[in-house]
């Protein structure tokens, strides 16, 4: 299942100084071989940590629900609980994390500790499996713990980005980072499906544990000049909420992506169950279909910058709210001979991957441009609370609808409902944006 939209890479406008310890030595890399930003050592290591971790996540995104279904006998309701457990920390912790991280000077240190903690939690699953002690309750706890550490990692990563990328490079940096996600989505599910089929799902989870260790290694080798901590009395929990609530452009993007996420995670909670049990697709074949279709993400990453320059970043963002969820209508439509079923699943995932790259790159760039430096982690925490916090609700609704109405009708509701998200941005200042807007000091004028 393609990852739903996650507006990320939020950063203000200060870049690392040229004299940073991570500045690339002359002559080490040939300019024609890498994109310009990847020739900068600090950003390259940041990108490498991001990429290898995403690759492992794509493996476990398939292996963990397959382990629940095939190894622990999970049904629709249990799949909803598992997905909700992984996502619940996004509803509980980002506000507090954002307020604390804005005031803590060592964001990179938090990211490294979060990586190490996630590696330990993920490695515990195959150990318990080998000891014949695996239960659904453990999978729920592991999913919740990893989700909690992911909140700390992501909220810390947003302000760290400030020291790595200049404002004119936002779209290029977002393209590289989201392109990594597309590349990992191509290979990760295929490798995950093969590992599950040949070596069992618990062994496949070890690959994700290892990826967190590699991510921590790359982050540990960075020496960026981190932004200074915010100063002021109190936690300032309400500042990010007030800023987002009063800013028409940011509010519209947040409400649109939240709507998409609600319905898309209803879909995500049931997709593996539907494909394996109702459509009869083997894990290895499912992984290959999803991985192959994820090439669409590479296409989306390559096209988004050109589309934004040609039509404007606002219209491209609005179009992405349709291009992302609409292709998933093909999934509940799937039926007939096996080649047709696999072709429809492939087309749905391929076109969806194009759309989600368009959405992530354009939304992330606009939000980056509008977010003041002093509110970076707090605004990111609010956005994550709302945008991600709705996801466990969607997962629980998906499980409940799948149990009461059946899996296929629930998928129809989820895919059709996600298209409503475009209405928030269609009737907002977003559609009029031609270029990246100036950084906001306050709300949009009414």
Protein backbone atom coordinates (compact mmCIF):
# COMPACT_ATOMS: atom_id res chain seq x y z
CA UNK A 1 0.00 0.00 0.00
CA UNK A 2 1.43 3.37 -0.94
CA UNK A 3 2.13 5.60 2.05
CA UNK A 4 -0.47 8.32 2.47
CA UNK A 5 0.50 11.98 2.26
CA UNK A 6 2.83 13.17 4.95
CA UNK A 7 3.81 16.80 4.51
CA UNK A 8 7.39 16.85 5.70
CA UNK A 9 10.76 18.51 5.42
CA UNK A 10 9.54 21.64 7.16
CA UNK A 11 12.30 24.22 7.32
CA UNK A 12 12.95 27.92 7.44
CA UNK A 13 15.49 29.66 5.35
CA UNK A 14 18.91 29.36 6.98
CA UNK A 15 21.40 26.99 5.39
CA UNK A 16 24.53 25.46 6.88
CA UNK A 17 27.54 27.75 6.61
CA UNK A 18 30.09 26.98 3.97
CA UNK A 19 32.65 26.35 6.68
CA UNK A 20 30.58 23.60 8.31
CA UNK A 21 32.60 20.49 9.21
CA UNK A 22 30.36 18.58 6.82
CA UNK A 23 31.24 20.71 3.79
CA UNK A 24 32.49 18.36 1.01
CA UNK A 25 36.23 18.48 0.40
CA UNK A 26 37.23 19.65 -3.05
CA UNK A 27 37.69 16.93 -5.60
CA UNK A 28 36.01 14.16 -3.62
CA UNK A 29 32.89 13.91 -5.79
CA UNK A 30 32.58 14.59 -9.47
CA UNK A 31 29.83 17.21 -10.07
CA UNK A 32 28.26 15.37 -13.00
CA UNK A 33 27.61 12.21 -11.04
CA UNK A 34 25.23 13.42 -8.32
CA UNK A 35 22.50 16.04 -7.93
CA UNK A 36 23.90 19.25 -6.53
CA UNK A 37 22.45 18.83 -3.03
CA UNK A 38 23.86 15.33 -2.74
CA UNK A 39 27.33 16.72 -3.38
CA UNK A 40 27.02 18.44 0.01
CA UNK A 41 28.22 15.97 2.62
CA UNK A 42 25.84 16.95 5.42
CA UNK A 43 22.72 16.74 3.25
CA UNK A 44 24.01 13.52 1.65
CA UNK A 45 24.30 11.84 5.04
CA UNK A 46 20.90 13.15 6.07
CA UNK A 47 19.45 11.83 2.81
CA UNK A 48 21.25 8.47 3.26
CA UNK A 49 19.86 8.01 6.77
CA UNK A 50 16.40 8.87 5.49
CA UNK A 51 16.68 6.52 2.51
CA UNK A 52 17.94 3.40 4.27
CA UNK A 53 15.38 3.76 7.04
CA UNK A 54 12.57 4.10 4.52
CA UNK A 55 13.76 0.96 2.75
CA UNK A 56 13.49 -1.02 5.98
CA UNK A 57 10.11 0.51 6.76
CA UNK A 58 8.75 -0.67 3.41
CA UNK A 59 9.78 -4.22 4.27
CA UNK A 60 8.14 -4.16 7.70
CA UNK A 61 5.03 -2.40 6.36
CA UNK A 62 4.30 -5.64 4.52
CA UNK A 63 5.94 -8.12 6.91
CA UNK A 64 4.29 -6.96 10.15
CA UNK A 65 0.65 -7.19 8.95
CA UNK A 66 1.45 -10.46 7.17
CA UNK A 67 2.88 -11.80 10.43
CA UNK A 68 -0.31 -10.74 12.20
CA UNK A 69 -2.52 -12.40 9.56
CA UNK A 70 -0.51 -15.55 8.85
CA UNK A 71 1.26 -16.06 12.17
CA UNK A 72 -1.18 -14.77 14.77
CA UNK A 73 -4.55 -15.30 13.07
CA UNK A 74 -5.59 -11.64 12.94
CA UNK A 75 -8.95 -10.78 11.40
CA UNK A 76 -10.36 -7.44 10.21
CA UNK A 77 -10.81 -6.01 13.71
CA UNK A 78 -7.34 -7.11 14.84
CA UNK A 79 -5.77 -5.58 11.74
CA UNK A 80 -7.50 -2.34 12.61
CA UNK A 81 -6.12 -2.53 16.17
CA UNK A 82 -2.59 -3.17 14.89
CA UNK A 83 -2.66 -0.24 12.50
CA UNK A 84 -4.20 1.98 15.15
CA UNK A 85 -1.54 1.01 17.72
CA UNK A 86 1.22 2.13 15.35
CA UNK A 87 -0.52 5.42 14.65
CA UNK A 88 -1.97 6.34 18.05
CA UNK A 89 1.25 8.07 19.25
CA UNK A 90 0.70 10.63 16.48
CA UNK A 91 -2.49 11.64 18.26
CA UNK A 92 -1.03 11.60 21.77
CA UNK A 93 2.49 13.04 21.69
CA UNK A 94 3.39 15.48 18.86
CA UNK A 95 2.15 18.64 20.62
CA UNK A 96 4.30 18.01 23.69
CA UNK A 97 7.20 16.80 21.55
CA UNK A 98 7.10 19.90 19.36
CA UNK A 99 7.07 22.29 22.30
CA UNK A 100 9.98 20.48 23.97
CA UNK A 101 12.07 19.99 20.82
CA UNK A 102 11.79 23.68 19.84
CA UNK A 103 13.59 24.40 23.10
CA UNK A 104 16.07 21.52 23.07
CA UNK A 105 19.36 22.34 21.31
CA UNK A 106 20.37 18.84 20.10
CA UNK A 107 17.72 17.61 17.68
CA UNK A 108 20.09 15.17 15.97
CA UNK A 109 20.76 13.43 19.29
CA UNK A 110 17.03 12.76 19.71
CA UNK A 111 16.89 11.28 16.21
CA UNK A 112 19.80 8.92 16.88
CA UNK A 113 18.29 7.67 20.15
CA UNK A 114 14.93 7.17 18.43
CA UNK A 115 16.60 5.08 15.72
CA UNK A 116 18.36 2.88 18.29
CA UNK A 117 15.16 2.38 20.26
CA UNK A 118 13.21 1.38 17.16
CA UNK A 119 15.90 -1.12 16.20
CA UNK A 120 15.62 -2.82 19.61
CA UNK A 121 11.84 -2.98 19.49
CA UNK A 122 11.74 -4.39 15.98
CA UNK A 123 14.44 -7.00 16.76
CA UNK A 124 12.40 -8.18 19.76
CA UNK A 125 9.65 -9.57 17.51
CA UNK A 126 11.69 -12.36 15.81
CA UNK A 127 13.32 -13.21 19.15
CA UNK A 128 9.91 -13.74 20.74
CA UNK A 129 8.76 -15.68 17.70
CA UNK A 130 11.71 -18.07 17.97
CA UNK A 131 10.84 -18.62 21.64
CA UNK A 132 7.22 -19.48 20.67
CA UNK A 133 5.90 -16.54 22.66
CA UNK A 134 4.57 -14.30 19.91
CA UNK A 135 1.09 -12.88 20.49
CA UNK A 136 -0.98 -10.14 18.94
CA UNK A 137 -0.67 -8.13 22.16
CA UNK A 138 3.10 -7.96 21.70
CA UNK A 139 2.69 -6.76 18.12
CA UNK A 140 0.36 -4.02 19.36
CA UNK A 141 2.93 -2.91 21.98
CA UNK A 142 5.82 -2.99 19.51
CA UNK A 143 3.82 -1.01 16.96
CA UNK A 144 2.91 1.58 19.62
CA UNK A 145 6.51 1.90 20.82
CA UNK A 146 7.91 2.30 17.33
CA UNK A 147 5.22 4.86 16.54
CA UNK A 148 6.11 6.86 19.65
CA UNK A 149 9.81 6.97 18.75
CA UNK A 150 8.87 7.89 15.18
CA UNK A 151 7.07 10.99 16.51
CA UNK A 152 10.24 12.13 18.30
CA UNK A 153 12.33 11.40 15.20
CA UNK A 154 10.11 13.21 12.73
CA UNK A 155 9.43 16.29 14.84
CA UNK A 156 13.19 16.59 15.48
CA UNK A 157 14.02 16.08 11.80
CA UNK A 158 11.98 19.07 10.70
CA UNK A 159 14.04 21.78 12.47
CA UNK A 160 17.32 19.94 11.73
CA UNK A 161 16.56 20.46 8.04
CA UNK A 162 16.95 24.21 8.56
CA UNK A 163 20.72 23.85 8.68
CA UNK A 164 20.96 21.82 5.48
CA UNK A 165 18.85 23.44 2.75
CA UNK A 166 18.49 26.99 1.40
CA UNK A 167 15.01 28.34 0.68
CA UNK A 168 15.43 28.25 -3.15
CA UNK A 169 16.25 24.54 -2.88
CA UNK A 170 13.08 23.44 -1.07
CA UNK A 171 11.45 21.78 -4.08
CA UNK A 172 14.70 20.10 -5.13
CA UNK A 173 15.33 18.81 -1.60
CA UNK A 174 11.74 17.59 -1.26
CA UNK A 175 12.08 15.87 -4.64
CA UNK A 176 15.22 14.03 -3.52
CA UNK A 177 13.75 12.98 -0.19
CA UNK A 178 10.44 11.89 -1.65
CA UNK A 179 12.28 10.25 -4.52
CA UNK A 180 14.04 8.13 -1.90
CA UNK A 181 10.69 7.08 -0.57
CA UNK A 182 9.63 6.16 -4.08
CA UNK A 183 12.81 4.13 -4.64
CA UNK A 184 12.39 2.32 -1.34
CA UNK A 185 8.76 1.63 -2.19
CA UNK A 186 9.88 -0.02 -5.43
CA UNK A 187 12.33 -2.43 -3.83
CA UNK A 188 11.06 -2.71 -0.25
CA UNK A 189 7.74 -4.55 -0.73
CA UNK A 190 9.28 -6.91 -3.30
CA UNK A 191 12.13 -7.80 -0.97
CA UNK A 192 9.73 -7.97 1.96
CA UNK A 193 7.36 -10.33 0.16
CA UNK A 194 10.24 -12.60 -0.86
CA UNK A 195 11.70 -12.60 2.66
CA UNK A 196 8.31 -13.43 4.16
CA UNK A 197 7.71 -16.24 1.67
CA UNK A 198 11.20 -17.76 1.90
CA UNK A 199 12.37 -16.95 5.43
CA UNK A 200 9.14 -16.03 7.32
CA UNK A 201 7.88 -12.62 8.38
CA UNK A 202 9.89 -12.39 11.65
CA UNK A 203 13.16 -12.71 9.75
CA UNK A 204 12.03 -9.99 7.36
CA UNK A 205 11.53 -7.65 10.34
CA UNK A 206 15.24 -7.94 11.16
CA UNK A 207 15.96 -6.01 7.97
CA UNK A 208 14.02 -3.03 9.32
CA UNK A 209 15.85 -3.25 12.66
CA UNK A 210 19.16 -3.15 10.80
CA UNK A 211 18.02 -0.16 8.74
CA UNK A 212 17.48 1.87 11.90
CA UNK A 213 21.03 1.12 12.99
CA UNK A 214 22.38 2.28 9.64
CA UNK A 215 20.29 5.44 9.87
CA UNK A 216 21.71 6.16 13.32
CA UNK A 217 25.22 5.65 11.95
CA UNK A 218 24.77 8.24 9.18
CA UNK A 219 23.18 10.73 11.57
CA UNK A 220 26.04 10.21 14.00
CA UNK A 221 28.54 11.18 11.31
CA UNK A 222 26.85 14.52 10.65
CA UNK A 223 28.07 17.72 12.29
CA UNK A 224 25.58 20.36 11.15
CA UNK A 225 25.13 23.72 12.81
CA UNK A 226 21.74 23.16 14.40
CA UNK A 227 19.29 26.06 14.83
CA UNK A 228 19.34 27.65 18.29
CA UNK A 229 16.60 26.60 20.70
CA UNK A 230 13.55 28.80 20.96
CA UNK A 231 13.36 30.98 24.05
CA UNK A 232 10.41 32.08 26.10
CA UNK A 233 8.35 31.24 29.12
CA UNK A 234 6.16 28.17 29.21
CA UNK A 235 5.75 25.36 26.72
CA UNK A 236 3.88 27.45 24.16
CA UNK A 237 1.59 24.58 23.19
CA UNK A 238 -1.08 26.92 21.84
CA UNK A 239 1.18 28.97 19.56
CA UNK A 240 1.36 26.39 16.79
CA UNK A 241 -2.36 25.68 17.04
CA UNK A 242 -3.26 29.36 16.77
CA UNK A 243 -0.93 29.96 13.85
CA UNK A 244 -2.28 27.04 11.81
CA UNK A 245 -5.91 27.79 12.69
CA UNK A 246 -5.61 31.41 11.51
CA UNK A 247 -3.56 30.83 8.35
CA UNK A 248 -5.93 30.11 5.46
CA UNK A 249 -3.40 28.42 3.17
CA UNK A 250 -1.82 26.17 5.79
CA UNK A 251 -5.22 25.39 7.30
CA UNK A 252 -6.63 24.31 3.94
CA UNK A 253 -3.68 22.01 3.21
CA UNK A 254 -3.91 20.48 6.68
CA UNK A 255 -7.65 19.84 6.45
CA UNK A 256 -7.29 18.40 2.96
CA UNK A 257 -4.52 15.98 3.86
CA UNK A 258 -6.30 15.02 7.08
CA UNK A 259 -9.42 14.10 5.12
CA UNK A 260 -7.38 12.02 2.69
CA UNK A 261 -5.57 10.30 5.56
CA UNK A 262 -8.77 9.42 7.40
CA UNK A 263 -10.19 7.52 4.46
CA UNK A 264 -6.88 6.23 3.14
CA UNK A 265 -6.09 4.53 6.44
CA UNK A 266 -9.50 2.94 6.43
CA UNK A 267 -8.26 1.50 3.15
CA UNK A 268 -4.78 0.65 4.46
CA UNK A 269 -6.10 -1.33 7.41
CA UNK A 270 -7.90 -3.73 5.06
CA UNK A 271 -5.74 -3.82 1.94
CA UNK A 272 -3.40 -6.72 2.82
CA UNK A 273 -6.29 -8.77 4.21
CA UNK A 274 -8.38 -8.12 1.10
CA UNK A 275 -5.60 -8.89 -1.35
CA UNK A 276 -4.41 -12.08 0.34
CA UNK A 277 -7.69 -13.61 1.50
CA UNK A 278 -10.43 -12.34 -0.83
CA UNK A 279 -8.38 -11.96 -4.01
CA UNK A 280 -6.08 -14.88 -3.18
CA UNK A 281 -2.80 -13.08 -3.96
CA UNK A 282 0.27 -14.78 -2.46
CA UNK A 283 2.56 -12.63 -0.27
CA UNK A 284 5.46 -12.78 -2.72
CA UNK A 285 3.24 -11.81 -5.64
CA UNK A 286 1.60 -9.03 -3.65
CA UNK A 287 5.01 -7.63 -2.70
CA UNK A 288 6.16 -7.77 -6.31
CA UNK A 289 3.02 -6.00 -7.56
CA UNK A 290 3.26 -3.24 -4.96
CA UNK A 291 7.00 -2.85 -5.42
CA UNK A 292 6.79 -2.76 -9.19
CA UNK A 293 3.93 -0.28 -9.14
CA UNK A 294 5.89 1.98 -6.81
CA UNK A 295 7.96 2.98 -9.85
CA UNK A 296 5.12 5.46 -10.28
CA UNK A 297 6.57 7.33 -7.32
CA UNK A 298 9.81 7.87 -9.21
CA UNK A 299 7.80 9.20 -12.13
CA UNK A 300 5.85 11.48 -9.83
CA UNK A 301 9.04 12.80 -8.22
CA UNK A 302 10.54 13.49 -11.63
CA UNK A 303 7.44 15.24 -12.99
CA UNK A 304 6.36 17.36 -10.02
CA UNK A 305 8.94 20.11 -10.38
CA UNK A 306 8.19 20.45 -14.08
CA UNK A 307 4.44 20.54 -13.49
CA UNK A 308 4.83 23.15 -10.76
CA UNK A 309 6.92 25.34 -13.06
CA UNK A 310 4.52 24.89 -15.96
CA UNK A 311 1.16 25.26 -14.20
CA UNK A 312 2.11 26.79 -10.84
CA UNK A 313 2.74 25.07 -7.54
CA UNK A 314 -0.81 25.78 -6.29
CA UNK A 315 -2.71 24.18 -9.19
CA UNK A 316 -0.30 21.23 -9.11
CA UNK A 317 -1.00 20.79 -5.41
CA UNK A 318 -4.76 20.91 -5.98
CA UNK A 319 -4.51 18.33 -8.79
CA UNK A 320 -2.50 16.01 -6.55
CA UNK A 321 -5.43 15.76 -4.13
CA UNK A 322 -7.28 13.94 -6.91
CA UNK A 323 -4.33 12.14 -8.50
CA UNK A 324 -3.41 10.43 -5.22
CA UNK A 325 -6.64 8.74 -4.05
CA UNK A 326 -8.62 8.34 -7.27
CA UNK A 327 -6.65 5.36 -8.69
CA UNK A 328 -7.39 3.29 -5.58
CA UNK A 329 -10.97 2.94 -6.80
CA UNK A 330 -9.56 0.16 -8.99
CA UNK A 331 -8.88 -2.03 -5.93
CA UNK A 332 -12.48 -2.80 -4.90
CA UNK A 333 -13.26 -3.04 -8.63
CA UNK A 334 -10.69 -5.81 -9.06
CA UNK A 335 -12.12 -9.12 -10.22
CA UNK A 336 -12.07 -11.70 -12.99
CA UNK A 337 -9.06 -13.67 -14.25
CA UNK A 338 -5.89 -13.52 -12.17
CA UNK A 339 -3.90 -11.45 -14.72
CA UNK A 340 -6.69 -8.85 -14.76
CA UNK A 341 -6.80 -8.70 -10.97
CA UNK A 342 -3.04 -8.23 -10.73
CA UNK A 343 -3.13 -5.65 -13.52
CA UNK A 344 -5.78 -3.61 -11.72
CA UNK A 345 -3.84 -3.74 -8.44
CA UNK A 346 -0.69 -2.69 -10.28
CA UNK A 347 -2.42 0.22 -12.04
CA UNK A 348 -3.98 1.42 -8.78
CA UNK A 349 -0.67 1.40 -6.93
CA UNK A 350 1.30 2.89 -9.84
CA UNK A 351 -1.01 5.87 -10.40
CA UNK A 352 -1.48 6.36 -6.67
CA UNK A 353 2.31 6.53 -6.25
CA UNK A 354 2.50 9.26 -8.90
CA UNK A 355 -0.14 11.26 -7.06
CA UNK A 356 1.32 10.91 -3.59
CA UNK A 357 4.70 12.17 -4.77
CA UNK A 358 3.04 15.21 -6.30
CA UNK A 359 1.19 15.86 -3.05
CA UNK A 360 4.16 15.37 -0.73
CA UNK A 361 6.56 17.52 -2.74
CA UNK A 362 4.20 20.43 -3.38
CA UNK A 363 2.54 20.45 0.05
CA UNK A 364 5.84 20.05 1.85
CA UNK A 365 7.44 22.89 -0.11
CA UNK A 366 4.54 25.31 0.44
CA UNK A 367 4.40 24.52 4.16
CA UNK A 368 8.15 24.92 4.42
CA UNK A 369 8.01 28.33 2.78
CA UNK A 370 5.25 29.56 5.08
CA UNK A 371 6.46 28.22 8.46
CA UNK A 372 8.33 30.72 10.66
CA UNK A 373 11.58 29.44 12.17
CA UNK A 374 10.49 30.16 15.73
CA UNK A 375 7.39 27.95 15.39
CA UNK A 376 8.89 25.14 13.34
CA UNK A 377 8.63 22.17 15.71
CA UNK A 378 5.42 23.40 17.34
CA UNK A 379 3.64 23.85 14.03
CA UNK A 380 5.02 20.49 12.92
CA UNK A 381 3.75 18.92 16.13
CA UNK A 382 0.27 20.33 15.64
CA UNK A 383 0.21 19.23 12.02
CA UNK A 384 1.35 15.74 12.95
CA UNK A 385 -1.22 15.50 15.75
CA UNK A 386 -4.06 16.32 13.38
CA UNK A 387 -2.82 14.85 10.10
CA UNK A 388 -1.40 11.66 11.61
CA UNK A 389 -3.67 11.46 14.61
CA UNK A 390 -6.64 10.91 12.33
CA UNK A 391 -4.99 7.80 10.93
CA UNK A 392 -5.67 5.39 13.84
CA UNK A 393 -9.26 6.61 13.77
CA UNK A 394 -9.38 5.71 10.09
CA UNK A 395 -7.80 2.33 10.77
CA UNK A 396 -10.33 1.54 13.50
CA UNK A 397 -13.20 2.66 11.26
CA UNK A 398 -11.84 0.50 8.48
CA UNK A 399 -11.68 -2.53 10.75
CA UNK A 400 -15.18 -1.87 12.06
CA UNK A 401 -16.67 -1.35 8.60
CA UNK A 402 -14.84 -4.40 7.27
CA UNK A 403 -16.33 -6.50 10.06
CA UNK A 404 -19.90 -5.18 9.78
CA UNK A 405 -20.29 -4.48 6.05
CA UNK A 406 -17.60 -6.68 4.53
CA UNK A 407 -14.12 -5.80 3.31
CA UNK A 408 -15.03 -4.82 -0.26
CA UNK A 409 -17.85 -2.38 0.69
CA UNK A 410 -15.55 -0.81 3.28
CA UNK A 411 -12.92 -0.29 0.58
CA UNK A 412 -15.49 1.44 -1.63
CA UNK A 413 -16.37 3.87 1.16
CA UNK A 414 -12.70 4.55 1.90
CA UNK A 415 -11.62 5.19 -1.68
CA UNK A 416 -14.59 7.41 -2.52
CA UNK A 417 -14.33 9.38 0.72
CA UNK A 418 -10.67 10.25 0.19
CA UNK A 419 -11.58 12.28 -2.89
CA UNK A 420 -13.48 14.77 -0.71
CA UNK A 421 -10.15 16.16 0.52
CA UNK A 422 -9.67 18.19 -2.66
CA UNK A 423 -12.57 20.48 -1.72
CA UNK A 424 -10.57 22.05 1.13
CA UNK A 425 -7.81 23.32 -1.17
CA UNK A 426 -9.99 23.95 -4.22
CA UNK A 427 -11.78 26.79 -2.40
CA UNK A 428 -8.71 28.32 -0.76
CA UNK A 429 -5.76 30.58 -1.67
CA UNK A 430 -3.79 27.43 -2.56
CA UNK A 431 -5.16 27.27 -6.09
CA UNK A 432 -3.87 30.78 -6.91
CA UNK A 433 -0.23 30.14 -5.92
CA UNK A 434 2.12 30.37 -8.85
CA UNK A 435 5.41 30.21 -6.96
CA UNK A 436 6.47 29.46 -3.41
CA UNK A 437 4.92 32.06 -1.08
CA UNK A 438 6.92 34.28 1.24
CA UNK A 439 7.42 33.15 4.81
CA UNK A 440 4.40 34.07 6.91
CA UNK A 441 4.56 36.17 10.06
CA UNK A 442 0.84 35.83 10.66
CA UNK A 443 -2.39 34.57 9.14
CA UNK A 444 -3.44 35.09 5.54
CA UNK A 445 -5.60 38.16 4.99
CA UNK A 446 -9.27 37.27 4.90
